[in-house]
Amino acid sequence: MRGWRSRRPCSMEAIVSGPVPRTRHETFLWDLLSNFGPILDGLAAVHTVVGVDHPGTGTTPRATRPLELAFARVGRWLGLITDLWSELARREETEPLARLLVPLTLSPQVLEGLTGEQVEAAVRATAASFPPGGGDHAALVRGADLRAEIARLDVLALVIATTADRLVPLDVQREVADALPGARWAELPTGHLPFAELPREWADLVTGFLAALPTRRA
């Protein structure tokens, strides 16, 4: 569960139907198409899909005041990582930051299956795509704990756990599902990037969940 507040409005676009526009609309740290590209076309055919540029990403400028985070729970592991993440971003040391993030976001199986050239290409691509506000977002994580707020939510939810995730431990992912009343749980044997490692399986879980939801009557 993620979100933040800022004095600056966030730009957004609604995709009602048809093909996905080839414009960039960022989610948490990176763009909407990179994160959700595998399912956008299918979702847009029957749903309204909203993409948001959060502060410091896409077309939304960085916030002028500290952001406030809505995040389930951090834990010491993720807290230490995001401390380093935000500091490297503050120094604009994007290559060392990419060398930190690539092994944390890819599953061990996928990472070890890459050639040396492919690893270096992934590092360069990660460094080049890091948005100006990425460090601000990483700094948000420090000390966050909204499990009590999550328990009060009244929404149908699907939690897809990435079981080989070295960035967000599986027990933290499980806490989100346990805190959400009635949340459905599914697993994918990937690292933090299921859309990159198993895009079809990830898309099937999302679209299957949405298709099974009760139809709203006007």
Protein backbone atom coordinates (compact mmCIF):
# COMPACT_ATOMS: atom_id res chain seq x y z
CA MET A 1 0.00 0.00 0.00
CA ARG A 2 1.72 3.17 -1.12
CA GLY A 3 0.91 6.82 -1.50
CA TRP A 4 1.97 10.28 -0.44
CA ARG A 5 0.85 13.86 -0.05
CA SER A 6 2.37 16.97 -1.54
CA ARG A 7 1.35 20.61 -1.95
CA ARG A 8 1.83 20.24 -5.71
CA PRO A 9 -0.93 18.56 -7.70
CA CYS A 10 -0.04 15.33 -9.46
CA SER A 11 -0.72 14.98 -13.17
CA MET A 12 -2.76 11.99 -14.21
CA GLU A 13 -4.37 10.41 -17.23
CA ALA A 14 -7.32 8.06 -17.49
CA ILE A 15 -7.19 5.31 -20.11
CA VAL A 16 -10.77 4.34 -20.83
CA SER A 17 -10.42 1.92 -23.73
CA GLY A 18 -8.29 1.02 -26.72
CA PRO A 19 -4.52 0.90 -27.05
CA VAL A 20 -2.29 2.35 -24.36
CA PRO A 21 -0.98 5.86 -25.11
CA ARG A 22 2.80 5.94 -25.51
CA THR A 23 3.26 8.69 -22.95
CA ARG A 24 5.10 8.25 -19.67
CA HIS A 25 3.09 8.21 -16.46
CA GLU A 26 5.14 7.33 -13.42
CA THR A 27 4.12 5.23 -10.44
CA PHE A 28 6.29 4.67 -7.36
CA LEU A 29 9.83 5.46 -8.63
CA TRP A 30 9.43 4.36 -12.27
CA ASP A 31 6.90 4.80 -15.06
CA LEU A 32 3.47 3.26 -15.43
CA LEU A 33 4.24 1.52 -18.72
CA SER A 34 7.38 -0.13 -17.32
CA ASN A 35 5.50 -1.42 -14.29
CA PHE A 36 2.09 -2.24 -15.74
CA GLY A 37 2.65 -2.44 -19.50
CA PRO A 38 1.90 -6.19 -19.73
CA ILE A 39 -1.68 -5.70 -18.52
CA LEU A 40 -2.65 -2.18 -19.61
CA ASP A 41 -4.08 -3.11 -23.01
CA GLY A 42 -6.22 -5.86 -21.53
CA LEU A 43 -7.39 -3.73 -18.61
CA ALA A 44 -8.17 -0.69 -20.75
CA ALA A 45 -10.52 -2.74 -22.92
CA VAL A 46 -12.99 -3.16 -20.03
CA HIS A 47 -11.82 -0.87 -17.22
CA THR A 48 -10.83 2.73 -16.63
CA VAL A 49 -7.08 2.74 -15.92
CA VAL A 50 -5.63 5.81 -14.22
CA GLY A 51 -1.91 6.60 -14.39
CA VAL A 52 -0.47 9.15 -11.95
CA ASP A 53 2.77 11.13 -12.10
CA HIS A 54 3.79 11.35 -8.45
CA PRO A 55 6.11 14.15 -7.22
CA GLY A 56 9.45 14.07 -8.99
CA THR A 57 8.41 11.58 -11.68
CA GLY A 58 6.95 11.95 -15.14
CA THR A 59 5.46 15.41 -15.66
CA THR A 60 5.02 16.25 -11.97
CA PRO A 61 7.81 18.41 -10.47
CA ARG A 62 9.52 17.43 -7.25
CA ALA A 63 7.75 18.47 -4.06
CA THR A 64 9.04 21.57 -2.28
CA ARG A 65 8.32 20.07 1.15
CA PRO A 66 8.93 16.59 2.58
CA LEU A 67 6.45 13.98 1.40
CA GLU A 68 4.27 11.96 3.76
CA LEU A 69 4.14 8.24 3.19
CA ALA A 70 1.43 5.61 3.30
CA PHE A 71 3.32 2.29 3.51
CA ALA A 72 2.45 -0.86 5.41
CA ARG A 73 5.64 -1.54 7.38
CA VAL A 74 9.29 -1.10 6.59
CA GLY A 75 11.37 -3.25 8.90
CA ARG A 76 15.08 -2.80 9.48
CA TRP A 77 16.14 -4.53 6.24
CA LEU A 78 14.24 -2.23 3.91
CA GLY A 79 14.92 0.74 6.16
CA LEU A 80 18.70 0.35 5.83
CA ILE A 81 18.47 -0.17 2.08
CA THR A 82 16.31 2.91 1.53
CA ASP A 83 18.65 5.01 3.69
CA LEU A 84 21.50 4.17 1.32
CA TRP A 85 19.18 4.49 -1.69
CA SER A 86 18.09 8.03 -0.79
CA GLU A 87 21.65 9.12 0.02
CA LEU A 88 23.06 7.87 -3.29
CA ALA A 89 20.19 9.57 -5.09
CA ARG A 90 20.85 12.81 -3.21
CA ARG A 91 24.46 12.68 -4.42
CA GLU A 92 23.26 11.84 -7.94
CA GLU A 93 25.43 8.71 -7.91
CA THR A 94 23.09 6.79 -10.16
CA GLU A 95 25.51 4.05 -11.24
CA PRO A 96 26.34 2.86 -7.69
CA LEU A 97 22.63 3.11 -6.92
CA ALA A 98 21.81 0.94 -9.93
CA ARG A 99 24.43 -1.61 -8.81
CA LEU A 100 22.62 -1.76 -5.47
CA LEU A 101 19.14 -2.08 -6.96
CA VAL A 102 19.70 -4.58 -9.78
CA PRO A 103 20.63 -7.52 -7.49
CA LEU A 104 17.94 -6.52 -5.00
CA THR A 105 15.10 -6.35 -7.51
CA LEU A 106 15.88 -9.35 -9.72
CA SER A 107 15.42 -12.84 -8.37
CA PRO A 108 18.63 -14.82 -7.74
CA GLN A 109 17.69 -17.27 -10.50
CA VAL A 110 17.21 -14.56 -13.11
CA LEU A 111 20.30 -12.59 -12.04
CA GLU A 112 22.60 -15.62 -12.15
CA GLY A 113 21.23 -16.55 -15.57
CA LEU A 114 22.40 -13.26 -17.10
CA THR A 115 25.70 -12.84 -18.90
CA GLY A 116 28.15 -10.20 -17.74
CA GLU A 117 27.12 -7.98 -20.63
CA GLN A 118 23.46 -8.34 -19.74
CA VAL A 119 24.12 -7.40 -16.11
CA GLU A 120 26.00 -4.29 -17.18
CA ALA A 121 23.19 -3.41 -19.60
CA ALA A 122 20.67 -3.74 -16.76
CA VAL A 123 22.80 -1.48 -14.56
CA ARG A 124 23.07 1.16 -17.29
CA ALA A 125 19.34 1.03 -18.05
CA THR A 126 18.46 1.34 -14.36
CA ALA A 127 20.82 4.27 -13.85
CA ALA A 128 19.49 6.05 -16.94
CA SER A 129 15.83 5.63 -15.97
CA PHE A 130 16.07 6.81 -12.36
CA PRO A 131 13.66 9.76 -11.96
CA PRO A 132 14.60 13.04 -10.23
CA GLY A 133 12.25 12.38 -7.31
CA GLY A 134 13.31 8.77 -6.73
CA GLY A 135 15.48 9.63 -3.75
CA ASP A 136 12.64 11.57 -2.16
CA HIS A 137 10.42 8.50 -2.44
CA ALA A 138 13.04 6.20 -0.94
CA ALA A 139 13.50 8.56 2.00
CA LEU A 140 9.76 8.31 2.72
CA VAL A 141 10.05 4.71 3.82
CA ARG A 142 12.00 5.46 7.00
CA GLY A 143 9.90 4.70 10.07
CA ALA A 144 6.64 4.07 8.19
CA ASP A 145 4.08 1.76 9.78
CA LEU A 146 0.45 1.99 8.70
CA ARG A 147 -0.77 -1.49 9.58
CA ALA A 148 -3.52 -0.07 11.77
CA GLU A 149 -4.79 2.14 8.94
CA ILE A 150 -4.72 -0.76 6.49
CA ALA A 151 -6.87 -2.82 8.84
CA ARG A 152 -9.62 -0.20 8.53
CA LEU A 153 -9.80 -0.36 4.74
CA ASP A 154 -12.98 -1.74 3.26
CA VAL A 155 -11.96 -2.75 -0.26
CA LEU A 156 -11.58 -5.96 -2.20
CA ALA A 157 -7.86 -6.56 -2.61
CA LEU A 158 -5.43 -8.99 -4.17
CA VAL A 159 -1.94 -9.26 -2.69
CA ILE A 160 0.52 -10.86 -5.12
CA ALA A 161 3.57 -11.98 -3.19
CA THR A 162 6.91 -12.16 -4.96
CA THR A 163 8.52 -15.10 -3.19
CA ALA A 164 12.09 -14.51 -4.41
CA ASP A 165 11.98 -10.80 -3.56
CA ARG A 166 15.22 -9.60 -1.94
CA LEU A 167 14.02 -6.01 -1.58
CA VAL A 168 10.75 -6.47 0.34
CA PRO A 169 10.89 -9.62 2.51
CA LEU A 170 8.07 -12.14 2.15
CA ASP A 171 7.02 -11.74 5.79
CA VAL A 172 6.40 -8.01 5.18
CA GLN A 173 4.30 -8.85 2.14
CA ARG A 174 2.34 -11.36 4.21
CA GLU A 175 1.68 -8.71 6.86
CA VAL A 176 -0.01 -6.56 4.23
CA ALA A 177 -2.33 -9.40 3.28
CA ASP A 178 -3.03 -10.28 6.91
CA ALA A 179 -3.83 -6.65 7.75
CA LEU A 180 -6.22 -6.19 4.81
CA PRO A 181 -9.62 -7.61 5.77
CA GLY A 182 -10.54 -10.38 3.34
CA ALA A 183 -7.54 -9.86 1.05
CA ARG A 184 -6.83 -12.59 -1.47
CA TRP A 185 -3.31 -13.99 -1.59
CA ALA A 186 -1.38 -15.22 -4.61
CA GLU A 187 2.30 -15.98 -5.17
CA LEU A 188 4.75 -15.64 -8.03
CA PRO A 189 8.29 -17.10 -7.85
CA THR A 190 9.94 -13.83 -8.90
CA GLY A 191 12.00 -11.02 -7.51
CA HIS A 192 10.60 -7.52 -6.99
CA LEU A 193 9.79 -7.13 -10.70
CA PRO A 194 7.12 -9.69 -11.64
CA PHE A 195 6.22 -7.65 -14.74
CA ALA A 196 9.76 -8.24 -16.01
CA GLU A 197 10.24 -11.87 -14.98
CA LEU A 198 6.78 -13.41 -15.39
CA PRO A 199 4.64 -10.78 -17.13
CA ARG A 200 1.98 -13.15 -18.48
CA GLU A 201 1.46 -14.95 -15.18
CA TRP A 202 1.33 -11.63 -13.34
CA ALA A 203 -1.19 -10.24 -15.82
CA ASP A 204 -3.34 -13.37 -15.52
CA LEU A 205 -3.54 -12.99 -11.74
CA VAL A 206 -4.58 -9.33 -11.96
CA THR A 207 -7.09 -9.68 -14.77
CA GLY A 208 -8.53 -12.87 -13.26
CA PHE A 209 -9.06 -11.13 -9.92
CA LEU A 210 -10.79 -8.15 -11.56
CA ALA A 211 -12.96 -10.37 -13.73
CA ALA A 212 -14.24 -12.21 -10.65
CA LEU A 213 -15.30 -9.05 -8.82
CA PRO A 214 -19.03 -8.39 -8.42
CA THR A 215 -20.45 -6.14 -11.15
CA ARG A 216 -21.55 -2.75 -9.92
CA ARG A 217 -25.09 -1.73 -10.75
CA ALA A 218 -25.82 1.84 -11.81
